[in-house]
Structures are given as C-alpha cells and as structure tokens.
Amino acid sequence: MAARRRVPWQRAARFDVRMLAAAIRDRRTPWRAKLLTVGVIAYALWPFDLIPDFALVVGWIDDLIILPAGLWLAYRMIPDAVIEDARRASAERSGNL
C-alpha cells in the first residue's frame, strides 16, 4: 500500500496547532487569549454545531466563519514575542529548523 503524502496545508495546520499549544502554555499569554484559543479548538472538535451540518451550505458556513475568525482573533491577542518563541519551539519539536 502506498504511503499517503501530506499536502502543504496539512503540514501548516499541524505546525500552527503545535505553535498555538506552545503559546497557550506560555505565562506571558493573556488569559483571555488562552480562553479564546481553547474555546475555538473545542468548538472545532465538538460534535455539535450552532447550525447543524445537515442544513447543507448554511451548516458549513458557521464553521467557515467562526473557526478562522476565532483563530485570527487569538493570534491578535497573543503578544508577538510569545508567537515567535512558540514558533521556534514548535519548529524544534518537529525538526524543521
């Protein structure tokens, strides 16, 4: 069986998740940013949606708006120095130095 190749967005998503996890653990990250990040990730993993997915397109739109907007806001709330340190830590962990 052939090995599955990862597409670039999958690698980027995995790197961003590791980076956000490192940023959440940093003491310099404000508690509001930590709470928002955990909330967005929990919403992504939660089996229930605000608008059920069986409502075809409308059910997917809430995921396409809430998740990116929440992650964008979390990035804006985390200080730049923390983001840089978290990127460095996640790059070291994944061996992408």
Protein backbone atom coordinates (compact mmCIF):
# COMPACT_ATOMS: atom_id res chain seq x y z
CA MET A 1 0.00 0.00 0.00
CA ALA A 2 1.40 3.37 -0.98
CA ALA A 3 2.30 5.85 1.74
CA ARG A 4 -0.03 8.82 1.97
CA ARG A 5 1.58 12.12 1.14
CA ARG A 6 0.71 15.15 3.20
CA VAL A 7 -0.37 18.22 1.33
CA PRO A 8 1.24 21.52 2.38
CA TRP A 9 -1.83 22.87 4.20
CA GLN A 10 -1.85 19.76 6.41
CA ARG A 11 1.75 20.40 7.45
CA ALA A 12 0.97 24.05 8.07
CA ALA A 13 -2.11 23.19 10.13
CA ARG A 14 -0.15 20.73 12.25
CA PHE A 15 2.59 23.33 12.78
CA ASP A 16 0.02 26.00 13.74
CA VAL A 17 -1.66 23.67 16.23
CA ARG A 18 1.69 22.94 17.87
CA MET A 19 2.51 26.63 17.87
CA LEU A 20 -0.81 27.56 19.50
CA ALA A 21 -0.36 24.80 22.08
CA ALA A 22 3.06 26.21 22.98
CA ALA A 23 1.64 29.75 23.13
CA ILE A 24 -1.17 28.67 25.45
CA ARG A 25 1.33 27.18 27.88
CA ASP A 26 3.41 30.37 27.98
CA ARG A 27 2.91 32.53 31.07
CA ARG A 28 3.13 35.72 29.02
CA THR A 29 -0.04 34.85 27.08
CA PRO A 30 -3.06 36.73 28.44
CA TRP A 31 -5.74 34.54 29.99
CA ARG A 32 -8.34 35.89 27.55
CA ALA A 33 -6.28 34.70 24.60
CA LYS A 34 -5.87 31.30 26.24
CA LEU A 35 -9.60 31.04 26.87
CA LEU A 36 -10.46 32.09 23.31
CA THR A 37 -7.98 29.65 21.77
CA VAL A 38 -9.21 26.75 23.85
CA GLY A 39 -12.81 27.71 23.03
CA VAL A 40 -12.19 27.80 19.28
CA ILE A 41 -10.37 24.47 19.34
CA ALA A 42 -13.15 22.95 21.46
CA TYR A 43 -15.75 24.27 19.01
CA ALA A 44 -13.84 22.68 16.13
CA LEU A 45 -13.74 19.31 17.90
CA TRP A 46 -17.24 19.50 19.43
CA PRO A 47 -19.65 17.11 17.69
CA PHE A 48 -22.48 19.68 17.76
CA ASP A 49 -22.64 22.89 15.71
CA LEU A 50 -24.56 26.13 16.15
CA ILE A 51 -26.20 25.38 12.81
CA PRO A 52 -26.33 21.63 12.03
CA ASP A 53 -24.32 20.48 9.01
CA PHE A 54 -27.34 18.70 7.52
CA ALA A 55 -28.64 22.18 6.65
CA LEU A 56 -26.32 21.86 3.64
CA VAL A 57 -24.42 25.05 2.82
CA VAL A 58 -25.67 27.10 5.77
CA GLY A 59 -24.42 24.47 8.20
CA TRP A 60 -20.91 24.68 6.81
CA ILE A 61 -20.79 28.47 6.71
CA ASP A 62 -20.72 28.77 10.50
CA ASP A 63 -17.60 26.57 10.58
CA LEU A 64 -16.00 28.56 7.78
CA ILE A 65 -16.60 31.85 9.60
CA ILE A 66 -16.30 31.06 13.33
CA LEU A 67 -13.12 28.98 13.23
CA PRO A 68 -10.91 31.27 11.12
CA ALA A 69 -12.25 34.41 12.83
CA GLY A 70 -11.63 32.95 16.28
CA LEU A 71 -8.11 31.83 15.41
CA TRP A 72 -7.34 35.20 13.81
CA LEU A 73 -8.52 36.97 16.97
CA ALA A 74 -6.48 34.64 19.17
CA TYR A 75 -3.35 35.37 17.10
CA ARG A 76 -4.00 39.09 17.52
CA MET A 77 -4.39 38.75 21.30
CA ILE A 78 -1.16 36.79 21.83
CA PRO A 79 1.94 39.03 22.09
CA ASP A 80 4.39 38.89 19.16
CA ALA A 81 7.27 37.74 21.38
CA VAL A 82 5.21 34.76 22.56
CA ILE A 83 4.25 33.87 18.98
CA GLU A 84 7.91 33.93 17.89
CA ASP A 85 9.01 31.78 20.83
CA ALA A 86 6.16 29.35 20.21
CA ARG A 87 7.04 29.11 16.50
CA ARG A 88 10.64 28.41 17.39
CA ALA A 89 9.64 25.75 19.92
CA SER A 90 7.26 24.03 17.51
CA ALA A 91 9.88 24.10 14.74
CA GLU A 92 12.44 22.50 17.06
CA ARG A 93 9.93 19.88 18.11
CA SER A 94 9.01 18.97 14.54
CA GLY A 95 12.61 19.10 13.33
CA ASN A 96 12.03 21.94 10.86
CA LEU A 97 14.91 24.15 11.91
